[in-house]
Amino acid sequence: MRFHKDEHGQGLAEYGIIILLVGIAVVAALALLGPAVGNLYSSVVTGFPGY
């Protein structure tokens, strides 16, 4: 008689959910901060003479 559930695939599913949430957070951060970072790089490049 078994007294515990068979939970073999549970760990993989939890890791998948964590990776999905981290991916969503990265995409959201890039969407919010992307234009600001692009403007920063543009201002740095235009600050160099000859460019």
PDB file of N, CA and C in Angstrom:
ATOM      1  N   MET A   1       0.843  -1.186   0.000  1.00  0.00           N
ATOM      2  CA  MET A   1       0.000   0.000   0.000  1.00  0.00           C
ATOM      3  C   MET A   1       0.885   1.245   0.000  1.00  0.00           C
ATOM      4  N   ARG A   2       0.538   2.206  -0.831  1.00  0.00           N
ATOM      5  CA  ARG A   2       1.319   3.443  -0.907  1.00  0.00           C
ATOM      6  C   ARG A   2       0.733   4.486   0.016  1.00  0.00           C
ATOM      7  N   PHE A   3       1.609   5.179   0.727  1.00  0.00           N
ATOM      8  CA  PHE A   3       1.170   6.236   1.624  1.00  0.00           C
ATOM      9  C   PHE A   3       1.525   7.625   1.109  1.00  0.00           C
ATOM     10  N   HIS A   4       2.272   7.694   0.006  1.00  0.00           N
ATOM     11  CA  HIS A   4       2.636   8.987  -0.580  1.00  0.00           C
ATOM     12  C   HIS A   4       2.264   8.983  -2.064  1.00  0.00           C
ATOM     13  N   LYS A   5       2.089  10.179  -2.578  1.00  0.00           N
ATOM     14  CA  LYS A   5       1.724  10.316  -3.982  1.00  0.00           C
ATOM     15  C   LYS A   5       2.950  10.161  -4.865  1.00  0.00           C
ATOM     16  N   ASP A   6       2.732   9.774  -6.092  1.00  0.00           N
ATOM     17  CA  ASP A   6       3.808   9.691  -7.066  1.00  0.00           C
ATOM     18  C   ASP A   6       3.998  11.073  -7.674  1.00  0.00           C
ATOM     19  N   GLU A   7       5.096  11.754  -7.334  1.00  0.00           N
ATOM     20  CA  GLU A   7       5.334  13.144  -7.728  1.00  0.00           C
ATOM     21  C   GLU A   7       6.598  13.285  -8.562  1.00  0.00           C
ATOM     22  N   HIS A   8       6.839  12.379  -9.480  1.00  0.00           N
ATOM     23  CA  HIS A   8       8.088  12.408 -10.246  1.00  0.00           C
ATOM     24  C   HIS A   8       8.179  13.603 -11.195  1.00  0.00           C
ATOM     25  N   GLY A   9       7.121  14.000 -11.858  1.00  0.00           N
ATOM     26  CA  GLY A   9       7.174  15.082 -12.825  1.00  0.00           C
ATOM     27  C   GLY A   9       6.953  16.461 -12.238  1.00  0.00           C
ATOM     28  N   GLN A  10       6.703  16.532 -10.956  1.00  0.00           N
ATOM     29  CA  GLN A  10       6.364  17.808 -10.330  1.00  0.00           C
ATOM     30  C   GLN A  10       7.537  18.787 -10.327  1.00  0.00           C
ATOM     31  N   GLY A  11       8.733  18.348 -10.041  1.00  0.00           N
ATOM     32  CA  GLY A  11       9.899  19.237  -9.984  1.00  0.00           C
ATOM     33  C   GLY A  11      10.180  19.893 -11.320  1.00  0.00           C
ATOM     34  N   LEU A  12      10.073  19.139 -12.398  1.00  0.00           N
ATOM     35  CA  LEU A  12      10.320  19.674 -13.731  1.00  0.00           C
ATOM     36  C   LEU A  12       9.283  20.733 -14.078  1.00  0.00           C
ATOM     37  N   ALA A  13       8.035  20.495 -13.720  1.00  0.00           N
ATOM     38  CA  ALA A  13       6.984  21.478 -13.990  1.00  0.00           C
ATOM     39  C   ALA A  13       7.228  22.765 -13.213  1.00  0.00           C
ATOM     40  N   GLU A  14       7.668  22.644 -11.984  1.00  0.00           N
ATOM     41  CA  GLU A  14       7.944  23.838 -11.170  1.00  0.00           C
ATOM     42  C   GLU A  14       9.111  24.637 -11.749  1.00  0.00           C
ATOM     43  N   TYR A  15      10.152  23.959 -12.199  1.00  0.00           N
ATOM     44  CA  TYR A  15      11.273  24.663 -12.835  1.00  0.00           C
ATOM     45  C   TYR A  15      10.821  25.353 -14.112  1.00  0.00           C
ATOM     46  N   GLY A  16       9.945  24.712 -14.861  1.00  0.00           N
ATOM     47  CA  GLY A  16       9.423  25.316 -16.079  1.00  0.00           C
ATOM     48  C   GLY A  16       8.642  26.586 -15.792  1.00  0.00           C
ATOM     49  N   ILE A  17       7.840  26.567 -14.737  1.00  0.00           N
ATOM     50  CA  ILE A  17       7.065  27.751 -14.358  1.00  0.00           C
ATOM     51  C   ILE A  17       7.993  28.878 -13.916  1.00  0.00           C
ATOM     52  N   ILE A  18       9.030  28.549 -13.170  1.00  0.00           N
ATOM     53  CA  ILE A  18       9.984  29.567 -12.718  1.00  0.00           C
ATOM     54  C   ILE A  18      10.696  30.189 -13.917  1.00  0.00           C
ATOM     55  N   ILE A  19      11.127  29.363 -14.863  1.00  0.00           N
ATOM     56  CA  ILE A  19      11.808  29.880 -16.054  1.00  0.00           C
ATOM     57  C   ILE A  19      10.867  30.760 -16.866  1.00  0.00           C
ATOM     58  N   LEU A  20       9.608  30.367 -16.962  1.00  0.00           N
ATOM     59  CA  LEU A  20       8.616  31.170 -17.679  1.00  0.00           C
ATOM     60  C   LEU A  20       8.438  32.535 -17.014  1.00  0.00           C
ATOM     61  N   LEU A  21       8.333  32.568 -15.694  1.00  0.00           N
ATOM     62  CA  LEU A  21       8.151  33.834 -14.988  1.00  0.00           C
ATOM     63  C   LEU A  21       9.377  34.734 -15.110  1.00  0.00           C
ATOM     64  N   VAL A  22      10.563  34.152 -15.048  1.00  0.00           N
ATOM     65  CA  VAL A  22      11.781  34.945 -15.217  1.00  0.00           C
ATOM     66  C   VAL A  22      11.845  35.500 -16.637  1.00  0.00           C
ATOM     67  N   GLY A  23      11.465  34.704 -17.619  1.00  0.00           N
ATOM     68  CA  GLY A  23      11.447  35.178 -18.996  1.00  0.00           C
ATOM     69  C   GLY A  23      10.476  36.331 -19.196  1.00  0.00           C
ATOM     70  N   ILE A  24       9.308  36.238 -18.592  1.00  0.00           N
ATOM     71  CA  ILE A  24       8.333  37.326 -18.687  1.00  0.00           C
ATOM     72  C   ILE A  24       8.879  38.590 -18.035  1.00  0.00           C
ATOM     73  N   ALA A  25       9.551  38.439 -16.890  1.00  0.00           N
ATOM     74  CA  ALA A  25      10.130  39.604 -16.212  1.00  0.00           C
ATOM     75  C   ALA A  25      11.225  40.253 -17.057  1.00  0.00           C
ATOM     76  N   VAL A  26      12.043  39.459 -17.718  1.00  0.00           N
ATOM     77  CA  VAL A  26      13.108  39.999 -18.564  1.00  0.00           C
ATOM     78  C   VAL A  26      12.528  40.748 -19.757  1.00  0.00           C
ATOM     79  N   VAL A  27      11.516  40.175 -20.381  1.00  0.00           N
ATOM     80  CA  VAL A  27      10.890  40.837 -21.526  1.00  0.00           C
ATOM     81  C   VAL A  27      10.241  42.146 -21.092  1.00  0.00           C
ATOM     82  N   ALA A  28       9.573  42.141 -19.945  1.00  0.00           N
ATOM     83  CA  ALA A  28       8.943  43.366 -19.448  1.00  0.00           C
ATOM     84  C   ALA A  28       9.990  44.428 -19.133  1.00  0.00           C
ATOM     85  N   ALA A  29      11.100  44.030 -18.512  1.00  0.00           N
ATOM     86  CA  ALA A  29      12.157  44.992 -18.186  1.00  0.00           C
ATOM     87  C   ALA A  29      12.768  45.575 -19.453  1.00  0.00           C
ATOM     88  N   LEU A  30      12.992  44.739 -20.458  1.00  0.00           N
ATOM     89  CA  LEU A  30      13.549  45.244 -21.710  1.00  0.00           C
ATOM     90  C   LEU A  30      12.564  46.172 -22.423  1.00  0.00           C
ATOM     91  N   ALA A  31      11.283  45.861 -22.343  1.00  0.00           N
ATOM     92  CA  ALA A  31      10.293  46.717 -22.986  1.00  0.00           C
ATOM     93  C   ALA A  31      10.227  48.079 -22.304  1.00  0.00           C
ATOM     94  N   LEU A  32      10.392  48.090 -20.987  1.00  0.00           N
ATOM     95  CA  LEU A  32      10.323  49.356 -20.252  1.00  0.00           C
ATOM     96  C   LEU A  32      11.623  50.148 -20.341  1.00  0.00           C
ATOM     97  N   LEU A  33      12.754  49.461 -20.256  1.00  0.00           N
ATOM     98  CA  LEU A  33      14.042  50.142 -20.182  1.00  0.00           C
ATOM     99  C   LEU A  33      14.773  50.207 -21.522  1.00  0.00           C
ATOM    100  N   GLY A  34      14.292  49.504 -22.521  1.00  0.00           N
ATOM    101  CA  GLY A  34      14.966  49.448 -23.811  1.00  0.00           C
ATOM    102  C   GLY A  34      15.206  50.799 -24.453  1.00  0.00           C
ATOM    103  N   PRO A  35      14.182  51.641 -24.588  1.00  0.00           N
ATOM    104  CA  PRO A  35      14.413  52.949 -25.206  1.00  0.00           C
ATOM    105  C   PRO A  35      15.385  53.828 -24.419  1.00  0.00           C
ATOM    106  N   ALA A  36      15.344  53.767 -23.110  1.00  0.00           N
ATOM    107  CA  ALA A  36      16.253  54.578 -22.304  1.00  0.00           C
ATOM    108  C   ALA A  36      17.702  54.128 -22.489  1.00  0.00           C
ATOM    109  N   VAL A  37      17.911  52.812 -22.535  1.00  0.00           N
ATOM    110  CA  VAL A  37      19.267  52.294 -22.743  1.00  0.00           C
ATOM    111  C   VAL A  37      19.748  52.636 -24.145  1.00  0.00           C
ATOM    112  N   GLY A  38      18.877  52.548 -25.136  1.00  0.00           N
ATOM    113  CA  GLY A  38      19.245  52.915 -26.509  1.00  0.00           C
ATOM    114  C   GLY A  38      19.629  54.377 -26.615  1.00  0.00           C
ATOM    115  N   ASN A  39      18.881  55.240 -25.958  1.00  0.00           N
ATOM    116  CA  ASN A  39      19.214  56.661 -25.963  1.00  0.00           C
ATOM    117  C   ASN A  39      20.545  56.925 -25.261  1.00  0.00           C
ATOM    118  N   LEU A  40      20.811  56.194 -24.196  1.00  0.00           N
ATOM    119  CA  LEU A  40      22.082  56.356 -23.483  1.00  0.00           C
ATOM    120  C   LEU A  40      23.248  55.982 -24.391  1.00  0.00           C
ATOM    121  N   TYR A  41      23.153  54.838 -25.071  1.00  0.00           N
ATOM    122  CA  TYR A  41      24.216  54.426 -25.977  1.00  0.00           C
ATOM    123  C   TYR A  41      24.386  55.422 -27.125  1.00  0.00           C
ATOM    124  N   SER A  42      23.300  55.939 -27.638  1.00  0.00           N
ATOM    125  CA  SER A  42      23.379  56.916 -28.727  1.00  0.00           C
ATOM    126  C   SER A  42      24.084  58.184 -28.276  1.00  0.00           C
ATOM    127  N   SER A  43      23.784  58.641 -27.075  1.00  0.00           N
ATOM    128  CA  SER A  43      24.430  59.855 -26.586  1.00  0.00           C
ATOM    129  C   SER A  43      25.912  59.628 -26.318  1.00  0.00           C
ATOM    130  N   VAL A  44      26.278  58.433 -25.885  1.00  0.00           N
ATOM    131  CA  VAL A  44      27.695  58.135 -25.665  1.00  0.00           C
ATOM    132  C   VAL A  44      28.438  58.099 -26.995  1.00  0.00           C
ATOM    133  N   VAL A  45      27.851  57.460 -28.001  1.00  0.00           N
ATOM    134  CA  VAL A  45      28.510  57.352 -29.310  1.00  0.00           C
ATOM    135  C   VAL A  45      28.643  58.727 -29.955  1.00  0.00           C
ATOM    136  N   THR A  46      27.618  59.567 -29.862  1.00  0.00           N
ATOM    137  CA  THR A  46      27.707  60.894 -30.477  1.00  0.00           C
ATOM    138  C   THR A  46      28.661  61.805 -29.719  1.00  0.00           C
ATOM    139  N   GLY A  47      29.011  61.453 -28.493  1.00  0.00           N
ATOM    140  CA  GLY A  47      29.968  62.249 -27.724  1.00  0.00           C
ATOM    141  C   GLY A  47      31.400  62.072 -28.173  1.00  0.00           C
ATOM    142  N   PHE A  48      31.685  60.983 -28.895  1.00  0.00           N
ATOM    143  CA  PHE A  48      33.032  60.746 -29.383  1.00  0.00           C
ATOM    144  C   PHE A  48      33.247  61.545 -30.663  1.00  0.00           C
ATOM    145  N   PRO A  49      34.380  62.187 -30.776  1.00  0.00           N
ATOM    146  CA  PRO A  49      34.644  62.935 -32.027  1.00  0.00           C
ATOM    147  C   PRO A  49      34.890  61.976 -33.193  1.00  0.00           C
ATOM    148  N   GLY A  50      34.395  62.369 -34.341  1.00  0.00           N
ATOM    149  CA  GLY A  50      34.599  61.573 -35.537  1.00  0.00           C
ATOM    150  C   GLY A  50      33.489  60.612 -35.827  1.00  0.00           C
ATOM    151  N   TYR A  51      32.433  60.584 -35.043  1.00  0.00           N
ATOM    152  CA  TYR A  51      31.320  59.654 -35.298  1.00  0.00           C
ATOM    153  C   TYR A  51      30.073  60.398 -35.643  1.00  0.00           C
TER     154      TYR A  51
END
